[in-house]
């Protein structure tokens, strides 16, 4: 176990100290954002915006274009989500709901369009150099759909988060981002808890209608 940790964090030996600090700060605010999301707290958005803005800078610097676009998209959708969640009354945000036929169409469009767009970006910058590029396209598409569903307060957003987080754990470890890989492991655990909590909230809402 000790040898594994040494090998994992040895990947930072050639990294700029400032970039390591930035990554740790982004990870901390990422944790806060997911935790607030699980607890149905609107602070998910400002904390998430801090995390994603830092990751946009770092991922651009590390030429991880798909991941960079995910975080840029998160930042934009956080603005929309912040507004949408605030549409409820002064005491409660807009209610949690489940996907409908319209949502399913949007999900399909997001998955397809984001996959095509990221693939074109990788082709333009000639980044199809390993299997990581293909996995990056997949996770980008799933995360795009997850963030839209989260902003719309859909229970099923957590299914997408769980799936993409699980894939991201070994992906970021392979990329040499140990702290971010650990972040996605914890994100997976929180996402599972978030799914059950949101589902219970949704069921209680229906009982009181």
Protein backbone atom coordinates (compact mmCIF):
# COMPACT_ATOMS: atom_id res chain seq x y z
CA UNK A 1 0.00 0.00 0.00
CA UNK A 2 2.83 2.39 0.92
CA UNK A 3 4.63 1.62 -2.34
CA UNK A 4 1.42 2.26 -4.27
CA UNK A 5 0.95 5.67 -2.61
CA UNK A 6 4.57 6.59 -3.26
CA UNK A 7 4.19 5.68 -6.91
CA UNK A 8 0.92 7.57 -7.15
CA UNK A 9 2.16 10.81 -5.65
CA UNK A 10 5.58 10.56 -7.29
CA UNK A 11 3.79 11.74 -10.41
CA UNK A 12 3.89 15.22 -8.90
CA UNK A 13 7.70 15.31 -8.71
CA UNK A 14 7.92 17.29 -11.96
CA UNK A 15 4.89 19.50 -11.32
CA UNK A 16 4.96 23.18 -10.45
CA UNK A 17 4.32 23.73 -6.75
CA UNK A 18 1.74 26.42 -7.52
CA UNK A 19 -0.19 24.03 -9.78
CA UNK A 20 -0.29 21.42 -6.99
CA UNK A 21 -1.72 24.03 -4.61
CA UNK A 22 -4.29 25.02 -7.22
CA UNK A 23 -5.32 21.39 -7.73
CA UNK A 24 -5.74 20.83 -3.98
CA UNK A 25 -7.87 24.00 -3.65
CA UNK A 26 -10.00 22.94 -6.64
CA UNK A 27 -10.46 19.48 -5.14
CA UNK A 28 -11.52 20.92 -1.76
CA UNK A 29 -14.13 23.18 -3.33
CA UNK A 30 -15.19 20.27 -5.54
CA UNK A 31 -15.85 18.21 -2.40
CA UNK A 32 -17.86 21.07 -0.91
CA UNK A 33 -19.89 21.44 -4.09
CA UNK A 34 -20.83 17.75 -4.28
CA UNK A 35 -21.58 17.67 -0.55
CA UNK A 36 -23.90 20.68 -0.84
CA UNK A 37 -25.51 19.06 -3.87
CA UNK A 38 -26.20 15.86 -1.91
CA UNK A 39 -27.79 17.91 0.83
CA UNK A 40 -29.98 19.84 -1.61
CA UNK A 41 -28.19 23.12 -0.77
CA UNK A 42 -27.90 25.92 -3.32
CA UNK A 43 -24.28 26.53 -2.24
CA UNK A 44 -23.47 23.68 -4.65
CA UNK A 45 -23.15 26.34 -7.35
CA UNK A 46 -20.79 29.01 -5.95
CA UNK A 47 -18.44 26.37 -4.54
CA UNK A 48 -18.58 24.47 -7.81
CA UNK A 49 -17.78 27.60 -9.80
CA UNK A 50 -14.61 28.16 -7.79
CA UNK A 51 -13.52 24.55 -8.35
CA UNK A 52 -14.30 24.47 -12.06
CA UNK A 53 -12.68 27.81 -12.83
CA UNK A 54 -9.40 26.55 -11.34
CA UNK A 55 -9.66 23.26 -13.21
CA UNK A 56 -10.25 25.09 -16.51
CA UNK A 57 -6.89 26.79 -16.06
CA UNK A 58 -5.06 23.62 -14.98
CA UNK A 59 -6.56 21.34 -17.62
CA UNK A 60 -5.84 23.82 -20.40
CA UNK A 61 -2.25 24.01 -19.22
CA UNK A 62 -2.05 20.18 -19.19
CA UNK A 63 -3.69 19.94 -22.65
CA UNK A 64 -6.60 17.86 -21.34
CA UNK A 65 -9.09 19.49 -23.69
CA UNK A 66 -12.13 17.31 -23.06
CA UNK A 67 -11.80 17.69 -19.30
CA UNK A 68 -11.26 21.43 -19.70
CA UNK A 69 -14.49 21.76 -21.69
CA UNK A 70 -16.38 19.74 -19.06
CA UNK A 71 -15.35 22.21 -16.38
CA UNK A 72 -16.07 25.25 -18.57
CA UNK A 73 -19.52 23.78 -19.21
CA UNK A 74 -19.97 23.15 -15.46
CA UNK A 75 -19.18 26.80 -14.78
CA UNK A 76 -21.79 28.00 -17.29
CA UNK A 77 -24.42 25.51 -16.13
CA UNK A 78 -23.76 26.51 -12.52
CA UNK A 79 -24.92 30.02 -13.38
CA UNK A 80 -28.09 28.58 -14.93
CA UNK A 81 -28.57 26.11 -12.07
CA UNK A 82 -28.14 28.83 -9.46
CA UNK A 83 -30.92 30.79 -11.17
CA UNK A 84 -33.18 27.75 -11.63
CA UNK A 85 -32.81 26.54 -8.04
CA UNK A 86 -33.66 30.05 -6.84
CA UNK A 87 -37.00 30.01 -8.63
CA UNK A 88 -38.74 28.46 -5.62
CA UNK A 89 -40.13 30.47 -2.73
CA UNK A 90 -37.95 32.19 -0.15
CA UNK A 91 -37.74 29.06 2.00
CA UNK A 92 -37.32 26.24 -0.53
CA UNK A 93 -35.74 25.91 -3.98
CA UNK A 94 -37.61 24.55 -7.00
CA UNK A 95 -38.77 20.96 -6.30
CA UNK A 96 -36.80 17.83 -7.18
CA UNK A 97 -38.33 15.86 -10.05
CA UNK A 98 -37.70 12.86 -12.32
CA UNK A 99 -36.97 12.78 -16.04
CA UNK A 100 -39.81 12.89 -18.55
CA UNK A 101 -39.97 12.25 -22.30
CA UNK A 102 -38.71 15.75 -23.09
CA UNK A 103 -35.76 15.33 -20.72
CA UNK A 104 -34.82 12.04 -22.39
CA UNK A 105 -34.67 13.79 -25.76
CA UNK A 106 -32.43 16.50 -24.33
CA UNK A 107 -30.18 13.88 -22.74
CA UNK A 108 -29.81 12.08 -26.08
CA UNK A 109 -29.01 15.36 -27.83
CA UNK A 110 -26.44 16.29 -25.18
CA UNK A 111 -24.73 12.90 -25.32
CA UNK A 112 -24.53 12.90 -29.11
CA UNK A 113 -23.64 16.56 -29.67
CA UNK A 114 -21.00 16.69 -26.94
CA UNK A 115 -19.39 13.47 -28.21
CA UNK A 116 -19.22 14.87 -31.75
CA UNK A 117 -17.93 18.24 -30.58
CA UNK A 118 -15.17 16.84 -28.37
CA UNK A 119 -14.19 14.37 -31.09
CA UNK A 120 -13.82 17.26 -33.55
CA UNK A 121 -11.69 19.16 -31.05
CA UNK A 122 -9.41 16.15 -30.57
CA UNK A 123 -9.16 15.78 -34.34
CA UNK A 124 -8.39 19.48 -34.81
CA UNK A 125 -5.60 19.41 -32.23
CA UNK A 126 -4.43 15.91 -33.25
CA UNK A 127 -4.93 14.48 -29.76
CA UNK A 128 -6.05 10.95 -30.74
CA UNK A 129 -2.84 9.51 -29.35
CA UNK A 130 -4.13 6.89 -26.89
CA UNK A 131 -7.21 5.16 -25.50
CA UNK A 132 -7.44 7.97 -22.94
CA UNK A 133 -8.76 10.27 -25.67
CA UNK A 134 -11.69 7.94 -26.37
CA UNK A 135 -12.51 7.58 -22.67
CA UNK A 136 -12.29 11.35 -22.36
CA UNK A 137 -14.95 11.75 -25.05
CA UNK A 138 -17.22 9.30 -23.21
CA UNK A 139 -16.85 10.92 -19.79
CA UNK A 140 -17.31 14.40 -21.28
CA UNK A 141 -20.63 13.38 -22.83
CA UNK A 142 -21.90 11.73 -19.64
CA UNK A 143 -20.82 14.64 -17.44
CA UNK A 144 -22.51 17.12 -19.79
CA UNK A 145 -25.80 15.25 -19.38
CA UNK A 146 -25.29 14.88 -15.61
CA UNK A 147 -24.74 18.60 -15.09
CA UNK A 148 -27.82 19.55 -17.10
CA UNK A 149 -29.93 17.10 -15.10
CA UNK A 150 -28.47 18.44 -11.85
CA UNK A 151 -29.29 22.01 -12.83
CA UNK A 152 -32.86 20.87 -13.60
CA UNK A 153 -33.00 19.09 -10.23
CA UNK A 154 -33.62 15.60 -11.65
CA UNK A 155 -33.11 12.53 -9.43
CA UNK A 156 -31.52 10.64 -12.34
CA UNK A 157 -28.63 13.11 -12.48
CA UNK A 158 -26.98 11.01 -9.78
CA UNK A 159 -27.01 7.89 -12.00
CA UNK A 160 -24.96 9.78 -14.58
CA UNK A 161 -22.63 11.18 -11.91
CA UNK A 162 -21.99 7.73 -10.45
CA UNK A 163 -21.23 6.17 -13.84
CA UNK A 164 -18.88 8.95 -14.97
CA UNK A 165 -17.16 9.24 -11.57
CA UNK A 166 -16.33 5.53 -11.52
CA UNK A 167 -14.71 5.81 -14.96
CA UNK A 168 -12.82 8.94 -13.92
CA UNK A 169 -11.06 7.32 -10.94
CA UNK A 170 -8.59 5.21 -12.97
CA UNK A 171 -8.60 7.74 -15.82
CA UNK A 172 -7.18 10.57 -13.71
CA UNK A 173 -4.78 8.22 -11.93
CA UNK A 174 -3.47 7.24 -15.38
CA UNK A 175 -3.14 10.92 -16.29
CA UNK A 176 -0.97 11.51 -13.22
CA UNK A 177 -3.52 13.53 -11.23
CA UNK A 178 -3.59 11.59 -7.97
CA UNK A 179 -5.52 14.17 -5.95
CA UNK A 180 -8.17 14.45 -8.65
CA UNK A 181 -8.44 10.66 -8.89
CA UNK A 182 -8.99 10.50 -5.12
CA UNK A 183 -11.56 13.27 -5.49
CA UNK A 184 -13.60 11.21 -7.96
CA UNK A 185 -13.48 8.17 -5.67
CA UNK A 186 -15.02 10.22 -2.88
CA UNK A 187 -17.41 11.84 -5.39
CA UNK A 188 -18.68 8.35 -6.24
CA UNK A 189 -19.50 7.60 -2.61
CA UNK A 190 -21.22 10.96 -2.16
CA UNK A 191 -23.13 10.50 -5.44
CA UNK A 192 -24.52 7.17 -4.26
CA UNK A 193 -25.66 8.79 -1.02
CA UNK A 194 -27.01 11.75 -3.01
CA UNK A 195 -29.13 9.50 -5.19
CA UNK A 196 -30.87 7.90 -2.24
CA UNK A 197 -31.33 11.23 -0.45
CA UNK A 198 -32.84 12.97 -3.50
CA UNK A 199 -35.05 9.96 -4.18
CA UNK A 200 -36.39 10.10 -0.61
CA UNK A 201 -37.01 13.85 -0.92
CA UNK A 202 -38.86 13.29 -4.19
CA UNK A 203 -41.01 10.54 -2.64
CA UNK A 204 -41.86 12.76 0.33
CA UNK A 205 -42.82 15.60 -2.02
CA UNK A 206 -45.30 13.31 -3.77
CA UNK A 207 -46.82 12.21 -0.44
CA UNK A 208 -47.54 15.80 0.53
CA UNK A 209 -49.13 16.74 -2.82
